[in-house]
Amino acid sequence: MRPSLDTHGAFHVRSALNAAALATIESALSDLPPGQPGLRLASLPALASMLSATGAIGRHAAAHQGPTTKAVRAILFDKSPVTNWALGWHQDRTIAVRTRIGTPGFGPWTLKSGIQHVAPPQSLLDRMLTLRIHLDPVDTDNAPLLIAPGSHRHGRIPETDVAALVARCGTHACLAERGDIWLYATPILHASDAATNPRHRRVLQLDYSSDNLPNGLEWLGV
């Protein structure tokens, strides 16, 4: 299967970033604390031009969301022999914002790594894209992301229905080479097993949106 974004909720861009772009990303991330399974990043000023709608990364989101798209959240995942975790099937259901402001349709609120997160209306999540930038190759034994193709079209999925929907949609392992980008519909069901042959599997994950938030809420941004 070659996934498509509309039908399957995922799309693979091979060799999206060249050696110079990858070096720039690695330099921007070099001062971050090591050994963290998932590190939430509030600012990456060195990557601003790459993340913009016309940049080497952002242009892939703009191709689907238009020129007003922007990076609204960043997380660095580094699975390794030391941090070799597994993650069950789930949807991403929250967004990161600068300040908590009670707003109809937004909630509940959570605090993650000191950053305010809130569950927005499902319609906003349905318009978002998640990009995963691969800094290391990911083969079948190095814990590729697993997705349930087409599950993004089912809105907010109750926890009790997740297993049945995964069984109905099937699963796809998102293999990648260094420099590849995978694009996902943000609400897609996804999971990750522990690596059977663990090595570094660094992924910079970026959420993109072309929406502005209501009532004075502001995206955390990148």
Protein backbone atom coordinates (compact mmCIF):
# COMPACT_ATOMS: atom_id res chain seq x y z
CA MET A 1 0.00 0.00 0.00
CA ARG A 2 1.20 3.50 -0.83
CA PRO A 3 -0.77 5.61 1.64
CA SER A 4 -2.53 8.78 0.55
CA LEU A 5 -3.43 11.60 2.91
CA ASP A 6 -7.10 11.87 1.94
CA THR A 7 -7.91 8.16 1.85
CA HIS A 8 -5.57 6.66 4.42
CA GLY A 9 -4.72 9.69 6.55
CA ALA A 10 -0.99 9.41 5.86
CA PHE A 11 1.50 10.26 3.14
CA HIS A 12 5.19 9.42 2.79
CA VAL A 13 7.58 11.99 1.30
CA ARG A 14 10.81 10.20 0.52
CA SER A 15 14.14 12.10 0.60
CA ALA A 16 12.31 15.28 1.59
CA LEU A 17 15.35 16.85 3.29
CA ASN A 18 18.92 17.00 2.01
CA ALA A 19 22.10 16.64 4.05
CA ALA A 20 22.41 20.39 4.70
CA ALA A 21 18.85 20.64 6.01
CA LEU A 22 19.34 17.63 8.27
CA ALA A 23 22.56 19.12 9.63
CA THR A 24 20.72 22.37 10.42
CA ILE A 25 18.03 20.46 12.32
CA GLU A 26 20.56 18.42 14.27
CA SER A 27 22.47 21.57 15.20
CA ALA A 28 19.27 23.21 16.45
CA LEU A 29 18.54 20.17 18.63
CA SER A 30 22.08 19.54 19.84
CA ASP A 31 21.77 21.43 23.15
CA LEU A 32 18.62 19.60 24.27
CA PRO A 33 18.90 17.19 27.22
CA PRO A 34 19.54 13.61 26.07
CA GLY A 35 17.77 10.45 27.16
CA GLN A 36 14.24 11.87 27.06
CA PRO A 37 11.62 9.70 25.33
CA GLY A 38 9.52 12.70 24.34
CA LEU A 39 10.69 16.30 24.73
CA ARG A 40 8.20 19.13 24.17
CA LEU A 41 9.82 22.11 22.48
CA ALA A 42 8.42 25.60 22.96
CA SER A 43 10.80 27.34 20.56
CA LEU A 44 13.12 26.45 17.68
CA PRO A 45 14.20 29.84 16.31
CA ALA A 46 17.04 28.35 14.26
CA LEU A 47 14.48 26.39 12.24
CA ALA A 48 11.98 29.23 11.68
CA SER A 49 12.64 29.53 7.96
CA MET A 50 12.44 25.78 7.41
CA LEU A 51 9.17 25.51 9.33
CA SER A 52 7.47 28.40 7.52
CA ALA A 53 4.88 27.72 4.84
CA THR A 54 7.53 28.22 2.16
CA GLY A 55 10.33 26.38 3.97
CA ALA A 56 11.80 22.95 3.35
CA ILE A 57 9.52 21.39 5.97
CA GLY A 58 6.53 23.72 6.13
CA ARG A 59 5.88 23.64 2.41
CA HIS A 60 4.69 20.04 2.74
CA ALA A 61 1.97 21.19 5.15
CA ALA A 62 1.16 24.23 3.00
CA ALA A 63 0.54 21.95 0.01
CA HIS A 64 -2.52 20.63 1.88
CA GLN A 65 -3.48 23.50 4.21
CA GLY A 66 -2.58 26.59 2.18
CA PRO A 67 -0.14 29.47 2.73
CA THR A 68 -1.48 30.45 6.17
CA THR A 69 -0.41 27.19 7.79
CA LYS A 70 2.02 27.38 10.70
CA ALA A 71 3.84 25.04 13.04
CA VAL A 72 1.93 25.07 16.34
CA ARG A 73 3.66 22.35 18.38
CA ALA A 74 6.93 20.41 18.33
CA ILE A 75 8.03 17.24 20.13
CA LEU A 76 11.34 15.44 19.77
CA PHE A 77 11.15 11.67 20.17
CA ASP A 78 14.38 9.72 20.65
CA LYS A 79 13.77 6.01 21.03
CA SER A 80 17.02 4.21 21.87
CA PRO A 81 18.32 1.20 23.82
CA VAL A 82 17.93 3.31 26.98
CA THR A 83 14.50 4.78 26.15
CA ASN A 84 12.81 1.91 24.34
CA TRP A 85 9.15 2.42 25.14
CA ALA A 86 5.89 1.15 23.68
CA LEU A 87 2.74 3.18 23.14
CA GLY A 88 -0.74 1.72 22.72
CA TRP A 89 -3.30 2.71 20.13
CA HIS A 90 -4.59 6.24 20.64
CA GLN A 91 -5.53 9.57 19.03
CA ASP A 92 -3.79 12.90 19.63
CA ARG A 93 -6.61 14.97 21.14
CA THR A 94 -5.00 18.08 22.63
CA ILE A 95 -3.28 21.23 21.42
CA ALA A 96 -0.59 23.33 23.14
CA VAL A 97 -1.42 26.97 23.95
CA ARG A 98 0.41 29.87 25.61
CA THR A 99 -2.07 30.64 28.39
CA ARG A 100 -5.13 28.96 29.85
CA ILE A 101 -8.27 30.90 28.96
CA GLY A 102 -11.63 29.26 29.57
CA THR A 103 -13.33 29.01 26.16
CA PRO A 104 -16.57 27.28 25.14
CA GLY A 105 -15.87 24.00 23.37
CA PHE A 106 -12.29 23.78 24.71
CA GLY A 107 -11.55 21.34 27.53
CA PRO A 108 -10.51 19.53 29.59
CA TRP A 109 -7.19 21.21 30.35
CA THR A 110 -3.92 19.49 31.24
CA LEU A 111 -0.40 20.67 32.07
CA LYS A 112 2.36 18.73 30.29
CA SER A 113 6.01 19.64 30.89
CA GLY A 114 4.83 23.03 32.15
CA ILE A 115 2.88 23.73 28.93
CA GLN A 116 -0.87 24.27 28.89
CA HIS A 117 -2.74 21.72 26.75
CA VAL A 118 -6.44 21.61 25.99
CA ALA A 119 -8.78 19.41 24.00
CA PRO A 120 -10.27 21.60 21.24
CA PRO A 121 -13.39 20.95 19.17
CA GLN A 122 -12.91 17.86 17.02
CA SER A 123 -13.46 19.93 13.87
CA LEU A 124 -10.24 21.84 14.59
CA LEU A 125 -8.24 18.63 15.06
CA ASP A 126 -9.72 17.28 11.82
CA ARG A 127 -8.13 20.18 9.91
CA MET A 128 -4.68 19.74 11.46
CA LEU A 129 -1.66 17.91 10.05
CA THR A 130 1.17 16.19 11.87
CA LEU A 131 4.58 15.94 10.21
CA ARG A 132 7.25 13.52 11.41
CA ILE A 133 10.79 14.36 10.28
CA HIS A 134 13.05 11.32 10.43
CA LEU A 135 16.63 11.94 11.52
CA ASP A 136 17.43 8.22 11.61
CA PRO A 137 16.32 5.30 9.45
CA VAL A 138 13.36 3.29 10.76
CA ASP A 139 13.01 -0.32 9.68
CA THR A 140 10.68 -3.06 10.89
CA ASP A 141 12.73 -3.88 14.01
CA ASN A 142 13.38 -0.26 15.06
CA ALA A 143 9.84 0.58 16.20
CA PRO A 144 8.17 2.23 13.20
CA LEU A 145 5.02 4.18 13.88
CA LEU A 146 1.93 2.05 13.28
CA ILE A 147 -1.23 3.64 11.91
CA ALA A 148 -4.77 2.45 11.30
CA PRO A 149 -5.41 3.70 7.73
CA GLY A 150 -8.66 5.62 7.35
CA SER A 151 -9.30 5.93 11.09
CA HIS A 152 -8.94 9.73 10.81
CA ARG A 153 -12.38 9.87 9.18
CA HIS A 154 -14.17 8.64 12.32
CA GLY A 155 -13.89 11.79 14.45
CA ARG A 156 -13.29 11.39 18.17
CA ILE A 157 -13.18 7.68 18.84
CA PRO A 158 -14.29 6.41 22.27
CA GLU A 159 -11.60 4.40 24.04
CA THR A 160 -13.91 1.38 24.11
CA ASP A 161 -14.12 1.43 20.29
CA VAL A 162 -10.42 1.82 19.48
CA ALA A 163 -9.48 -1.87 19.30
CA ALA A 164 -12.43 -2.75 17.07
CA LEU A 165 -11.72 0.14 14.69
CA VAL A 166 -8.03 -0.81 14.42
CA ALA A 167 -9.09 -4.36 13.58
CA ARG A 168 -11.47 -3.05 10.91
CA CYS A 169 -9.02 -0.55 9.37
CA GLY A 170 -5.96 -2.77 9.59
CA THR A 171 -2.47 -1.49 10.37
CA HIS A 172 0.39 -0.05 8.37
CA ALA A 173 4.01 0.26 9.55
CA CYS A 174 5.49 3.62 8.52
CA LEU A 175 9.05 2.74 7.54
CA ALA A 176 11.41 5.59 6.73
CA GLU A 177 14.92 6.55 5.72
CA ARG A 178 16.89 9.45 7.16
CA GLY A 179 15.54 12.66 5.63
CA ASP A 180 12.06 11.28 4.93
CA ILE A 181 8.89 13.03 6.14
CA TRP A 182 5.63 11.32 6.98
CA LEU A 183 2.48 13.47 6.96
CA TYR A 184 -0.54 12.39 9.01
CA ALA A 185 -4.06 13.59 9.61
CA THR A 186 -3.63 14.53 13.27
CA PRO A 187 -6.60 12.45 14.59
CA ILE A 188 -5.39 9.18 13.01
CA LEU A 189 -5.15 6.21 15.37
CA HIS A 190 -1.52 5.31 15.90
CA ALA A 191 0.74 3.23 18.12
CA SER A 192 4.37 2.18 18.54
CA ASP A 193 5.89 -1.06 19.80
CA ALA A 194 9.18 -1.28 21.64
CA ALA A 195 12.04 -1.84 19.21
CA THR A 196 13.20 -5.44 18.87
CA ASN A 197 16.65 -4.22 17.81
CA PRO A 198 16.78 -0.81 19.52
CA ARG A 199 18.90 1.94 18.02
CA HIS A 200 18.50 5.68 17.97
CA ARG A 201 15.22 6.57 16.29
CA ARG A 202 15.07 10.35 16.41
CA VAL A 203 11.90 11.94 15.09
CA LEU A 204 11.01 15.63 15.18
CA GLN A 205 7.21 15.75 15.24
CA LEU A 206 5.46 18.97 14.23
CA ASP A 207 1.76 19.83 14.31
CA TYR A 208 0.53 22.31 11.70
CA SER A 209 -2.68 24.32 11.54
CA SER A 210 -4.04 27.14 9.41
CA ASP A 211 -6.68 28.05 12.02
CA ASN A 212 -6.61 30.95 14.46
CA LEU A 213 -7.89 30.18 17.95
CA PRO A 214 -10.90 32.01 19.45
CA ASN A 215 -11.36 34.08 22.62
CA GLY A 216 -7.75 35.22 22.96
CA LEU A 217 -6.30 31.70 22.97
CA GLU A 218 -2.91 31.52 21.26
CA TRP A 219 -1.10 28.54 19.84
CA LEU A 220 2.10 27.78 21.71
CA GLY A 221 3.88 27.79 18.36
CA VAL A 222 7.43 26.71 17.63
